[in-house]
């Protein structure tokens, strides 16, 4: 990003209230449970 856009960059989990994780883990190399956890985090942060 150009320096002028750095203020736009954030972690999605910054908006979460029910989960403590700072990040959303990559489920690609894991199992189905990883995708379920990712969706839990995403729903929380998106709320």
ModelCIF file with pLDDT and N, C-alpha, C, O atoms, coordinates in Angstrom:
data_MODEL
#
_entry.id   MODEL 
#
_entity.id                         1 
_entity.type                       polymer 
_entity.pdbx_number_of_molecules   1 
#
_entity_poly.entity_id                      1 
_entity_poly.type                           'polypeptide(L)' 
_entity_poly.nstd_linkage                   no 
_entity_poly.nstd_monomer                   no 
_entity_poly.pdbx_seq_one_letter_code       
;(UNK)(UNK)(UNK)(UNK)(UNK)(UNK)(UNK)(UNK)(UNK)(UNK)(UNK)(UNK)(UNK)(UNK)(UNK)(UNK)
(UNK)(UNK)(UNK)(UNK)(UNK)(UNK)(UNK)(UNK)(UNK)(UNK)(UNK)(UNK)(UNK)(UNK)(UNK)(UNK)
(UNK)(UNK)(UNK)(UNK)(UNK)(UNK)(UNK)(UNK)(UNK)(UNK)(UNK)(UNK)(UNK)(UNK)(UNK)
;
_entity_poly.pdbx_seq_one_letter_code_can   XXXXXXXXXXXXXXXXXXXXXXXXXXXXXXXXXXXXXXXXXXXXXXX 
_entity_poly.pdbx_strand_id                 A 
#
loop_
_entity_poly_seq.entity_id 
_entity_poly_seq.num 
_entity_poly_seq.mon_id 
_entity_poly_seq.hetero 
1 1  UNK n 
1 2  UNK n 
1 3  UNK n 
1 4  UNK n 
1 5  UNK n 
1 6  UNK n 
1 7  UNK n 
1 8  UNK n 
1 9  UNK n 
1 10 UNK n 
1 11 UNK n 
1 12 UNK n 
1 13 UNK n 
1 14 UNK n 
1 15 UNK n 
1 16 UNK n 
1 17 UNK n 
1 18 UNK n 
1 19 UNK n 
1 20 UNK n 
1 21 UNK n 
1 22 UNK n 
1 23 UNK n 
1 24 UNK n 
1 25 UNK n 
1 26 UNK n 
1 27 UNK n 
1 28 UNK n 
1 29 UNK n 
1 30 UNK n 
1 31 UNK n 
1 32 UNK n 
1 33 UNK n 
1 34 UNK n 
1 35 UNK n 
1 36 UNK n 
1 37 UNK n 
1 38 UNK n 
1 39 UNK n 
1 40 UNK n 
1 41 UNK n 
1 42 UNK n 
1 43 UNK n 
1 44 UNK n 
1 45 UNK n 
1 46 UNK n 
1 47 UNK n 
#
_struct_asym.id          A 
_struct_asym.entity_id   1 
#
loop_
_ma_qa_metric.id 
_ma_qa_metric.mode 
_ma_qa_metric.name 
_ma_qa_metric.software_group_id 
_ma_qa_metric.type 
1 global pLDDT . pLDDT 
2 local  pLDDT . pLDDT 
#
_ma_qa_metric_global.metric_id      1 
_ma_qa_metric_global.metric_value   96.79 
_ma_qa_metric_global.model_id       1 
_ma_qa_metric_global.ordinal_id     1 
#
loop_
_ma_qa_metric_local.label_asym_id 
_ma_qa_metric_local.label_comp_id 
_ma_qa_metric_local.label_seq_id 
_ma_qa_metric_local.metric_id 
_ma_qa_metric_local.metric_value 
_ma_qa_metric_local.model_id 
_ma_qa_metric_local.ordinal_id 
A UNK 1  2 98.00 1 1  
A UNK 2  2 97.00 1 2  
A UNK 3  2 97.00 1 3  
A UNK 4  2 97.00 1 4  
A UNK 5  2 98.00 1 5  
A UNK 6  2 98.00 1 6  
A UNK 7  2 97.00 1 7  
A UNK 8  2 98.00 1 8  
A UNK 9  2 98.00 1 9  
A UNK 10 2 98.00 1 10 
A UNK 11 2 98.00 1 11 
A UNK 12 2 98.00 1 12 
A UNK 13 2 98.00 1 13 
A UNK 14 2 97.00 1 14 
A UNK 15 2 98.00 1 15 
A UNK 16 2 98.00 1 16 
A UNK 17 2 96.00 1 17 
A UNK 18 2 96.00 1 18 
A UNK 19 2 95.00 1 19 
A UNK 20 2 93.00 1 20 
A UNK 21 2 96.00 1 21 
A UNK 22 2 97.00 1 22 
A UNK 23 2 98.00 1 23 
A UNK 24 2 98.00 1 24 
A UNK 25 2 97.00 1 25 
A UNK 26 2 96.00 1 26 
A UNK 27 2 97.00 1 27 
A UNK 28 2 95.00 1 28 
A UNK 29 2 93.00 1 29 
A UNK 30 2 92.00 1 30 
A UNK 31 2 92.00 1 31 
A UNK 32 2 92.00 1 32 
A UNK 33 2 95.00 1 33 
A UNK 34 2 96.00 1 34 
A UNK 35 2 98.00 1 35 
A UNK 36 2 97.00 1 36 
A UNK 37 2 97.00 1 37 
A UNK 38 2 98.00 1 38 
A UNK 39 2 98.00 1 39 
A UNK 40 2 98.00 1 40 
A UNK 41 2 98.00 1 41 
A UNK 42 2 98.00 1 42 
A UNK 43 2 98.00 1 43 
A UNK 44 2 98.00 1 44 
A UNK 45 2 98.00 1 45 
A UNK 46 2 98.00 1 46 
A UNK 47 2 98.00 1 47 
#
loop_
_atom_site.group_PDB 
_atom_site.id 
_atom_site.type_symbol 
_atom_site.label_atom_id 
_atom_site.label_alt_id 
_atom_site.label_comp_id 
_atom_site.label_asym_id 
_atom_site.label_entity_id 
_atom_site.label_seq_id 
_atom_site.pdbx_PDB_ins_code 
_atom_site.Cartn_x 
_atom_site.Cartn_y 
_atom_site.Cartn_z 
_atom_site.occupancy 
_atom_site.B_iso_or_equiv 
_atom_site.pdbx_formal_charge 
_atom_site.auth_seq_id 
_atom_site.auth_comp_id 
_atom_site.auth_asym_id 
_atom_site.auth_atom_id 
_atom_site.pdbx_PDB_model_num 
ATOM 1   N N  . UNK A 1 1  ? 0.823   -1.213  0.000  1.00 98.00 ? 1  UNK A N  1 
ATOM 2   C CA . UNK A 1 1  ? 0.000   0.000   0.000  1.00 98.00 ? 1  UNK A CA 1 
ATOM 3   C C  . UNK A 1 1  ? 0.856   1.263   0.000  1.00 98.00 ? 1  UNK A C  1 
ATOM 4   O O  . UNK A 1 1  ? 1.922   1.305   0.616  1.00 98.00 ? 1  UNK A O  1 
ATOM 5   N N  . UNK A 1 2  ? 0.377   2.292   -0.699 1.00 97.00 ? 2  UNK A N  1 
ATOM 6   C CA . UNK A 1 2  ? 1.055   3.584   -0.562 1.00 97.00 ? 2  UNK A CA 1 
ATOM 7   C C  . UNK A 1 2  ? 0.854   4.095   0.871  1.00 97.00 ? 2  UNK A C  1 
ATOM 8   O O  . UNK A 1 2  ? -0.141  3.765   1.516  1.00 97.00 ? 2  UNK A O  1 
ATOM 9   N N  . UNK A 1 3  ? 1.778   4.880   1.352  1.00 97.00 ? 3  UNK A N  1 
ATOM 10  C CA . UNK A 1 3  ? 1.705   5.398   2.732  1.00 97.00 ? 3  UNK A CA 1 
ATOM 11  C C  . UNK A 1 3  ? 0.361   6.078   3.001  1.00 97.00 ? 3  UNK A C  1 
ATOM 12  O O  . UNK A 1 3  ? -0.160  6.024   4.115  1.00 97.00 ? 3  UNK A O  1 
ATOM 13  N N  . UNK A 1 4  ? -0.181  6.707   1.987  1.00 97.00 ? 4  UNK A N  1 
ATOM 14  C CA . UNK A 1 4  ? -1.450  7.433   2.158  1.00 97.00 ? 4  UNK A CA 1 
ATOM 15  C C  . UNK A 1 4  ? -2.631  6.513   2.447  1.00 97.00 ? 4  UNK A C  1 
ATOM 16  O O  . UNK A 1 4  ? -3.696  6.982   2.846  1.00 97.00 ? 4  UNK A O  1 
ATOM 17  N N  . UNK A 1 5  ? -2.450  5.194   2.247  1.00 98.00 ? 5  UNK A N  1 
ATOM 18  C CA . UNK A 1 5  ? -3.542  4.242   2.487  1.00 98.00 ? 5  UNK A CA 1 
ATOM 19  C C  . UNK A 1 5  ? -3.330  3.397   3.733  1.00 98.00 ? 5  UNK A C  1 
ATOM 20  O O  . UNK A 1 5  ? -4.172  2.556   4.048  1.00 98.00 ? 5  UNK A O  1 
ATOM 21  N N  . UNK A 1 6  ? -2.239  3.593   4.443  1.00 98.00 ? 6  UNK A N  1 
ATOM 22  C CA . UNK A 1 6  ? -1.948  2.738   5.603  1.00 98.00 ? 6  UNK A CA 1 
ATOM 23  C C  . UNK A 1 6  ? -3.018  2.823   6.690  1.00 98.00 ? 6  UNK A C  1 
ATOM 24  O O  . UNK A 1 6  ? -3.229  1.856   7.421  1.00 98.00 ? 6  UNK A O  1 
ATOM 25  N N  . UNK A 1 7  ? -3.685  3.946   6.804  1.00 97.00 ? 7  UNK A N  1 
ATOM 26  C CA . UNK A 1 7  ? -4.735  4.091   7.822  1.00 97.00 ? 7  UNK A CA 1 
ATOM 27  C C  . UNK A 1 7  ? -5.951  3.203   7.531  1.00 97.00 ? 7  UNK A C  1 
ATOM 28  O O  . UNK A 1 7  ? -6.783  2.991   8.413  1.00 97.00 ? 7  UNK A O  1 
ATOM 29  N N  . UNK A 1 8  ? -6.057  2.691   6.318  1.00 98.00 ? 8  UNK A N  1 
ATOM 30  C CA . UNK A 1 8  ? -7.181  1.840   5.940  1.00 98.00 ? 8  UNK A CA 1 
ATOM 31  C C  . UNK A 1 8  ? -6.959  0.376   6.308  1.00 98.00 ? 8  UNK A C  1 
ATOM 32  O O  . UNK A 1 8  ? -7.907  -0.409  6.297  1.00 98.00 ? 8  UNK A O  1 
ATOM 33  N N  . UNK A 1 9  ? -5.733  -0.002  6.632  1.00 98.00 ? 9  UNK A N  1 
ATOM 34  C CA . UNK A 1 9  ? -5.358  -1.394  6.849  1.00 98.00 ? 9  UNK A CA 1 
ATOM 35  C C  . UNK A 1 9  ? -5.535  -1.784  8.315  1.00 98.00 ? 9  UNK A C  1 
ATOM 36  O O  . UNK A 1 9  ? -5.026  -1.118  9.217  1.00 98.00 ? 9  UNK A O  1 
ATOM 37  N N  . UNK A 1 10 ? -6.267  -2.876  8.531  1.00 98.00 ? 10 UNK A N  1 
ATOM 38  C CA . UNK A 1 10 ? -6.512  -3.376  9.887  1.00 98.00 ? 10 UNK A CA 1 
ATOM 39  C C  . UNK A 1 10 ? -6.718  -4.887  9.831  1.00 98.00 ? 10 UNK A C  1 
ATOM 40  O O  . UNK A 1 10 ? -6.884  -5.468  8.759  1.00 98.00 ? 10 UNK A O  1 
ATOM 41  N N  . UNK A 1 11 ? -6.703  -5.503  10.998 1.00 98.00 ? 11 UNK A N  1 
ATOM 42  C CA . UNK A 1 11 ? -7.081  -6.911  11.107 1.00 98.00 ? 11 UNK A CA 1 
ATOM 43  C C  . UNK A 1 11 ? -8.594  -6.989  11.290 1.00 98.00 ? 11 UNK A C  1 
ATOM 44  O O  . UNK A 1 11 ? -9.162  -6.201  12.046 1.00 98.00 ? 11 UNK A O  1 
ATOM 45  N N  . UNK A 1 12 ? -9.249  -7.918  10.616 1.00 98.00 ? 12 UNK A N  1 
ATOM 46  C CA . UNK A 1 12 ? -10.696 -8.084  10.764 1.00 98.00 ? 12 UNK A CA 1 
ATOM 47  C C  . UNK A 1 12 ? -11.072 -8.387  12.210 1.00 98.00 ? 12 UNK A C  1 
ATOM 48  O O  . UNK A 1 12 ? -12.078 -7.877  12.704 1.00 98.00 ? 12 UNK A O  1 
ATOM 49  N N  . UNK A 1 13 ? -10.281 -9.207  12.892 1.00 98.00 ? 13 UNK A N  1 
ATOM 50  C CA . UNK A 1 13 ? -10.633 -9.613  14.257 1.00 98.00 ? 13 UNK A CA 1 
ATOM 51  C C  . UNK A 1 13 ? -10.637 -8.461  15.251 1.00 98.00 ? 13 UNK A C  1 
ATOM 52  O O  . UNK A 1 13 ? -11.071 -8.634  16.390 1.00 98.00 ? 13 UNK A O  1 
ATOM 53  N N  . UNK A 1 14 ? -10.170 -7.307  14.846 1.00 97.00 ? 14 UNK A N  1 
ATOM 54  C CA . UNK A 1 14 ? -10.243 -6.113  15.684 1.00 97.00 ? 14 UNK A CA 1 
ATOM 55  C C  . UNK A 1 14 ? -11.706 -5.792  16.056 1.00 97.00 ? 14 UNK A C  1 
ATOM 56  O O  . UNK A 1 14 ? -11.968 -5.146  17.071 1.00 97.00 ? 14 UNK A O  1 
ATOM 57  N N  . UNK A 1 15 ? -12.638 -6.248  15.231 1.00 98.00 ? 15 UNK A N  1 
ATOM 58  C CA . UNK A 1 15 ? -14.059 -5.953  15.430 1.00 98.00 ? 15 UNK A CA 1 
ATOM 59  C C  . UNK A 1 15 ? -14.804 -7.045  16.191 1.00 98.00 ? 15 UNK A C  1 
ATOM 60  O O  . UNK A 1 15 ? -15.997 -6.906  16.463 1.00 98.00 ? 15 UNK A O  1 
ATOM 61  N N  . UNK A 1 16 ? -14.110 -8.129  16.537 1.00 98.00 ? 16 UNK A N  1 
ATOM 62  C CA . UNK A 1 16 ? -14.742 -9.253  17.241 1.00 98.00 ? 16 UNK A CA 1 
ATOM 63  C C  . UNK A 1 16 ? -14.958 -8.917  18.710 1.00 98.00 ? 16 UNK A C  1 
ATOM 64  O O  . UNK A 1 16 ? -14.203 -8.146  19.301 1.00 98.00 ? 16 UNK A O  1 
ATOM 65  N N  . UNK A 1 17 ? -16.002 -9.508  19.290 1.00 96.00 ? 17 UNK A N  1 
ATOM 66  C CA . UNK A 1 17 ? -16.244 -9.302  20.716 1.00 96.00 ? 17 UNK A CA 1 
ATOM 67  C C  . UNK A 1 17 ? -16.338 -10.611 21.489 1.00 96.00 ? 17 UNK A C  1 
ATOM 68  O O  . UNK A 1 17 ? -16.159 -10.614 22.707 1.00 96.00 ? 17 UNK A O  1 
ATOM 69  N N  . UNK A 1 18 ? -16.613 -11.722 20.813 1.00 96.00 ? 18 UNK A N  1 
ATOM 70  C CA . UNK A 1 18 ? -16.792 -13.000 21.502 1.00 96.00 ? 18 UNK A CA 1 
ATOM 71  C C  . UNK A 1 18 ? -15.562 -13.895 21.486 1.00 96.00 ? 18 UNK A C  1 
ATOM 72  O O  . UNK A 1 18 ? -15.479 -14.849 22.259 1.00 96.00 ? 18 UNK A O  1 
ATOM 73  N N  . UNK A 1 19 ? -14.601 -13.595 20.609 1.00 95.00 ? 19 UNK A N  1 
ATOM 74  C CA . UNK A 1 19 ? -13.406 -14.426 20.494 1.00 95.00 ? 19 UNK A CA 1 
ATOM 75  C C  . UNK A 1 19 ? -12.159 -13.591 20.790 1.00 95.00 ? 19 UNK A C  1 
ATOM 76  O O  . UNK A 1 19 ? -12.068 -12.434 20.382 1.00 95.00 ? 19 UNK A O  1 
ATOM 77  N N  . UNK A 1 20 ? -11.212 -14.182 21.494 1.00 93.00 ? 20 UNK A N  1 
ATOM 78  C CA . UNK A 1 20 ? -10.007 -13.484 21.916 1.00 93.00 ? 20 UNK A CA 1 
ATOM 79  C C  . UNK A 1 20 ? -8.926  -13.418 20.841 1.00 93.00 ? 20 UNK A C  1 
ATOM 80  O O  . UNK A 1 20 ? -8.034  -12.573 20.929 1.00 93.00 ? 20 UNK A O  1 
ATOM 81  N N  . UNK A 1 21 ? -8.978  -14.275 19.841 1.00 96.00 ? 21 UNK A N  1 
ATOM 82  C CA . UNK A 1 21 ? -7.928  -14.351 18.834 1.00 96.00 ? 21 UNK A CA 1 
ATOM 83  C C  . UNK A 1 21 ? -7.762  -13.024 18.096 1.00 96.00 ? 21 UNK A C  1 
ATOM 84  O O  . UNK A 1 21 ? -8.743  -12.359 17.761 1.00 96.00 ? 21 UNK A O  1 
ATOM 85  N N  . UNK A 1 22 ? -6.504  -12.647 17.846 1.00 97.00 ? 22 UNK A N  1 
ATOM 86  C CA . UNK A 1 22 ? -6.231  -11.428 17.087 1.00 97.00 ? 22 UNK A CA 1 
ATOM 87  C C  . UNK A 1 22 ? -6.348  -11.665 15.590 1.00 97.00 ? 22 UNK A C  1 
ATOM 88  O O  . UNK A 1 22 ? -6.525  -10.728 14.811 1.00 97.00 ? 22 UNK A O  1 
ATOM 89  N N  . UNK A 1 23 ? -6.246  -12.940 15.196 1.00 98.00 ? 23 UNK A N  1 
ATOM 90  C CA . UNK A 1 23 ? -6.252  -13.257 13.772 1.00 98.00 ? 23 UNK A CA 1 
ATOM 91  C C  . UNK A 1 23 ? -7.204  -14.417 13.478 1.00 98.00 ? 23 UNK A C  1 
ATOM 92  O O  . UNK A 1 23 ? -7.666  -15.120 14.376 1.00 98.00 ? 23 UNK A O  1 
ATOM 93  N N  . UNK A 1 24 ? -7.473  -14.585 12.197 1.00 98.00 ? 24 UNK A N  1 
ATOM 94  C CA . UNK A 1 24 ? -8.288  -15.705 11.730 1.00 98.00 ? 24 UNK A CA 1 
ATOM 95  C C  . UNK A 1 24 ? -7.334  -16.694 11.071 1.00 98.00 ? 24 UNK A C  1 
ATOM 96  O O  . UNK A 1 24 ? -6.741  -16.374 10.040 1.00 98.00 ? 24 UNK A O  1 
ATOM 97  N N  . UNK A 1 25 ? -7.172  -17.884 11.639 1.00 97.00 ? 25 UNK A N  1 
ATOM 98  C CA . UNK A 1 25 ? -6.190  -18.839 11.114 1.00 97.00 ? 25 UNK A CA 1 
ATOM 99  C C  . UNK A 1 25 ? -6.586  -19.367 9.733  1.00 97.00 ? 25 UNK A C  1 
ATOM 100 O O  . UNK A 1 25 ? -7.767  -19.479 9.407  1.00 97.00 ? 25 UNK A O  1 
ATOM 101 N N  . UNK A 1 26 ? -5.569  -19.689 8.934  1.00 96.00 ? 26 UNK A N  1 
ATOM 102 C CA . UNK A 1 26 ? -5.803  -20.220 7.603  1.00 96.00 ? 26 UNK A CA 1 
ATOM 103 C C  . UNK A 1 26 ? -6.233  -21.684 7.711  1.00 96.00 ? 26 UNK A C  1 
ATOM 104 O O  . UNK A 1 26 ? -5.461  -22.510 8.199  1.00 96.00 ? 26 UNK A O  1 
ATOM 105 N N  . UNK A 1 27 ? -7.446  -22.025 7.266  1.00 97.00 ? 27 UNK A N  1 
ATOM 106 C CA . UNK A 1 27 ? -7.930  -23.411 7.402  1.00 97.00 ? 27 UNK A CA 1 
ATOM 107 C C  . UNK A 1 27 ? -7.530  -24.325 6.241  1.00 97.00 ? 27 UNK A C  1 
ATOM 108 O O  . UNK A 1 27 ? -7.826  -25.519 6.271  1.00 97.00 ? 27 UNK A O  1 
ATOM 109 N N  . UNK A 1 28 ? -6.868  -23.785 5.231  1.00 95.00 ? 28 UNK A N  1 
ATOM 110 C CA . UNK A 1 28 ? -6.640  -24.492 3.971  1.00 95.00 ? 28 UNK A CA 1 
ATOM 111 C C  . UNK A 1 28 ? -6.018  -25.876 4.139  1.00 95.00 ? 28 UNK A C  1 
ATOM 112 O O  . UNK A 1 28 ? -6.459  -26.834 3.504  1.00 95.00 ? 28 UNK A O  1 
ATOM 113 N N  . UNK A 1 29 ? -5.001  -25.985 4.988  1.00 93.00 ? 29 UNK A N  1 
ATOM 114 C CA . UNK A 1 29 ? -4.305  -27.270 5.137  1.00 93.00 ? 29 UNK A CA 1 
ATOM 115 C C  . UNK A 1 29 ? -4.840  -28.101 6.297  1.00 93.00 ? 29 UNK A C  1 
ATOM 116 O O  . UNK A 1 29 ? -4.262  -29.129 6.648  1.00 93.00 ? 29 UNK A O  1 
ATOM 117 N N  . UNK A 1 30 ? -5.942  -27.655 6.890  1.00 92.00 ? 30 UNK A N  1 
ATOM 118 C CA . UNK A 1 30 ? -6.504  -28.371 8.026  1.00 92.00 ? 30 UNK A CA 1 
ATOM 119 C C  . UNK A 1 30 ? -7.740  -29.170 7.659  1.00 92.00 ? 30 UNK A C  1 
ATOM 120 O O  . UNK A 1 30 ? -7.958  -29.536 6.504  1.00 92.00 ? 30 UNK A O  1 
ATOM 121 N N  . UNK A 1 31 ? -8.548  -29.428 8.692  1.00 92.00 ? 31 UNK A N  1 
ATOM 122 C CA . UNK A 1 31 ? -9.756  -30.238 8.496  1.00 92.00 ? 31 UNK A CA 1 
ATOM 123 C C  . UNK A 1 31 ? -11.004 -29.357 8.519  1.00 92.00 ? 31 UNK A C  1 
ATOM 124 O O  . UNK A 1 31 ? -10.914 -28.133 8.604  1.00 92.00 ? 31 UNK A O  1 
ATOM 125 N N  . UNK A 1 32 ? -12.164 -30.000 8.441  1.00 92.00 ? 32 UNK A N  1 
ATOM 126 C CA . UNK A 1 32 ? -13.447 -29.279 8.409  1.00 92.00 ? 32 UNK A CA 1 
ATOM 127 C C  . UNK A 1 32 ? -13.646 -28.410 9.647  1.00 92.00 ? 32 UNK A C  1 
ATOM 128 O O  . UNK A 1 32 ? -14.212 -27.321 9.559  1.00 92.00 ? 32 UNK A O  1 
ATOM 129 N N  . UNK A 1 33 ? -13.183 -28.890 10.797 1.00 95.00 ? 33 UNK A N  1 
ATOM 130 C CA . UNK A 1 33 ? -13.333 -28.120 12.037 1.00 95.00 ? 33 UNK A CA 1 
ATOM 131 C C  . UNK A 1 33 ? -12.657 -26.750 11.923 1.00 95.00 ? 33 UNK A C  1 
ATOM 132 O O  . UNK A 1 33 ? -13.135 -25.768 12.491 1.00 95.00 ? 33 UNK A O  1 
ATOM 133 N N  . UNK A 1 34 ? -11.557 -26.692 11.194 1.00 96.00 ? 34 UNK A N  1 
ATOM 134 C CA . UNK A 1 34 ? -10.877 -25.409 10.985 1.00 96.00 ? 34 UNK A CA 1 
ATOM 135 C C  . UNK A 1 34 ? -11.754 -24.415 10.249 1.00 96.00 ? 34 UNK A C  1 
ATOM 136 O O  . UNK A 1 34 ? -11.759 -23.229 10.577 1.00 96.00 ? 34 UNK A O  1 
ATOM 137 N N  . UNK A 1 35 ? -12.493 -24.885 9.259  1.00 98.00 ? 35 UNK A N  1 
ATOM 138 C CA . UNK A 1 35 ? -13.398 -24.005 8.515  1.00 98.00 ? 35 UNK A CA 1 
ATOM 139 C C  . UNK A 1 35 ? -14.555 -23.539 9.395  1.00 98.00 ? 35 UNK A C  1 
ATOM 140 O O  . UNK A 1 35 ? -14.997 -22.395 9.289  1.00 98.00 ? 35 UNK A O  1 
ATOM 141 N N  . UNK A 1 36 ? -15.045 -24.423 10.260 1.00 97.00 ? 36 UNK A N  1 
ATOM 142 C CA . UNK A 1 36 ? -16.119 -24.044 11.198 1.00 97.00 ? 36 UNK A CA 1 
ATOM 143 C C  . UNK A 1 36 ? -15.626 -22.942 12.146 1.00 97.00 ? 36 UNK A C  1 
ATOM 144 O O  . UNK A 1 36 ? -16.327 -21.959 12.386 1.00 97.00 ? 36 UNK A O  1 
ATOM 145 N N  . UNK A 1 37 ? -14.410 -23.121 12.680 1.00 97.00 ? 37 UNK A N  1 
ATOM 146 C CA . UNK A 1 37 ? -13.843 -22.129 13.586 1.00 97.00 ? 37 UNK A CA 1 
ATOM 147 C C  . UNK A 1 37 ? -13.648 -20.792 12.872 1.00 97.00 ? 37 UNK A C  1 
ATOM 148 O O  . UNK A 1 37 ? -13.959 -19.737 13.425 1.00 97.00 ? 37 UNK A O  1 
ATOM 149 N N  . UNK A 1 38 ? -13.136 -20.839 11.648 1.00 98.00 ? 38 UNK A N  1 
ATOM 150 C CA . UNK A 1 38 ? -12.942 -19.628 10.864 1.00 98.00 ? 38 UNK A CA 1 
ATOM 151 C C  . UNK A 1 38 ? -14.271 -18.896 10.683 1.00 98.00 ? 38 UNK A C  1 
ATOM 152 O O  . UNK A 1 38 ? -14.330 -17.675 10.827 1.00 98.00 ? 38 UNK A O  1 
ATOM 153 N N  . UNK A 1 39 ? -15.328 -19.628 10.371 1.00 98.00 ? 39 UNK A N  1 
ATOM 154 C CA . UNK A 1 39 ? -16.631 -18.990 10.178 1.00 98.00 ? 39 UNK A CA 1 
ATOM 155 C C  . UNK A 1 39 ? -17.162 -18.417 11.494 1.00 98.00 ? 39 UNK A C  1 
ATOM 156 O O  . UNK A 1 39 ? -17.804 -17.366 11.492 1.00 98.00 ? 39 UNK A O  1 
ATOM 157 N N  . UNK A 1 40 ? -16.906 -19.087 12.608 1.00 98.00 ? 40 UNK A N  1 
ATOM 158 C CA . UNK A 1 40 ? -17.276 -18.525 13.921 1.00 98.00 ? 40 UNK A CA 1 
ATOM 159 C C  . UNK A 1 40 ? -16.604 -17.170 14.121 1.00 98.00 ? 40 UNK A C  1 
ATOM 160 O O  . UNK A 1 40 ? -17.255 -16.198 14.506 1.00 98.00 ? 40 UNK A O  1 
ATOM 161 N N  . UNK A 1 41 ? -15.307 -17.110 13.859 1.00 98.00 ? 41 UNK A N  1 
ATOM 162 C CA . UNK A 1 41 ? -14.546 -15.864 14.026 1.00 98.00 ? 41 UNK A CA 1 
ATOM 163 C C  . UNK A 1 41 ? -15.057 -14.780 13.083 1.00 98.00 ? 41 UNK A C  1 
ATOM 164 O O  . UNK A 1 41 ? -15.230 -13.628 13.480 1.00 98.00 ? 41 UNK A O  1 
ATOM 165 N N  . UNK A 1 42 ? -15.296 -15.163 11.825 1.00 98.00 ? 42 UNK A N  1 
ATOM 166 C CA . UNK A 1 42 ? -15.750 -14.194 10.830 1.00 98.00 ? 42 UNK A CA 1 
ATOM 167 C C  . UNK A 1 42 ? -17.120 -13.630 11.204 1.00 98.00 ? 42 UNK A C  1 
ATOM 168 O O  . UNK A 1 42 ? -17.331 -12.421 11.121 1.00 98.00 ? 42 UNK A O  1 
ATOM 169 N N  . UNK A 1 43 ? -18.049 -14.488 11.614 1.00 98.00 ? 43 UNK A N  1 
ATOM 170 C CA . UNK A 1 43 ? -19.376 -13.993 12.010 1.00 98.00 ? 43 UNK A CA 1 
ATOM 171 C C  . UNK A 1 43 ? -19.270 -13.027 13.181 1.00 98.00 ? 43 UNK A C  1 
ATOM 172 O O  . UNK A 1 43 ? -19.936 -11.992 13.193 1.00 98.00 ? 43 UNK A O  1 
ATOM 173 N N  . UNK A 1 44 ? -18.442 -13.356 14.163 1.00 98.00 ? 44 UNK A N  1 
ATOM 174 C CA . UNK A 1 44 ? -18.243 -12.498 15.321 1.00 98.00 ? 44 UNK A CA 1 
ATOM 175 C C  . UNK A 1 44 ? -17.689 -11.139 14.887 1.00 98.00 ? 44 UNK A C  1 
ATOM 176 O O  . UNK A 1 44 ? -18.239 -10.098 15.248 1.00 98.00 ? 44 UNK A O  1 
ATOM 177 N N  . UNK A 1 45 ? -16.610 -11.149 14.117 1.00 98.00 ? 45 UNK A N  1 
ATOM 178 C CA . UNK A 1 45 ? -15.984 -9.899  13.690 1.00 98.00 ? 45 UNK A CA 1 
ATOM 179 C C  . UNK A 1 45 ? -16.907 -9.093  12.779 1.00 98.00 ? 45 UNK A C  1 
ATOM 180 O O  . UNK A 1 45 ? -16.962 -7.867  12.885 1.00 98.00 ? 45 UNK A O  1 
ATOM 181 N N  . UNK A 1 46 ? -17.619 -9.754  11.903 1.00 98.00 ? 46 UNK A N  1 
ATOM 182 C CA . UNK A 1 46 ? -18.523 -9.046  10.996 1.00 98.00 ? 46 UNK A CA 1 
ATOM 183 C C  . UNK A 1 46 ? -19.692 -8.402  11.742 1.00 98.00 ? 46 UNK A C  1 
ATOM 184 O O  . UNK A 1 46 ? -20.183 -7.355  11.320 1.00 98.00 ? 46 UNK A O  1 
ATOM 185 N N  . UNK A 1 47 ? -20.142 -9.003  12.834 1.00 98.00 ? 47 UNK A N  1 
ATOM 186 C CA . UNK A 1 47 ? -21.166 -8.358  13.664 1.00 98.00 ? 47 UNK A CA 1 
ATOM 187 C C  . UNK A 1 47 ? -20.668 -7.029  14.195 1.00 98.00 ? 47 UNK A C  1 
ATOM 188 O O  . UNK A 1 47 ? -21.393 -6.341  14.914 1.00 98.00 ? 47 UNK A O  1 
#
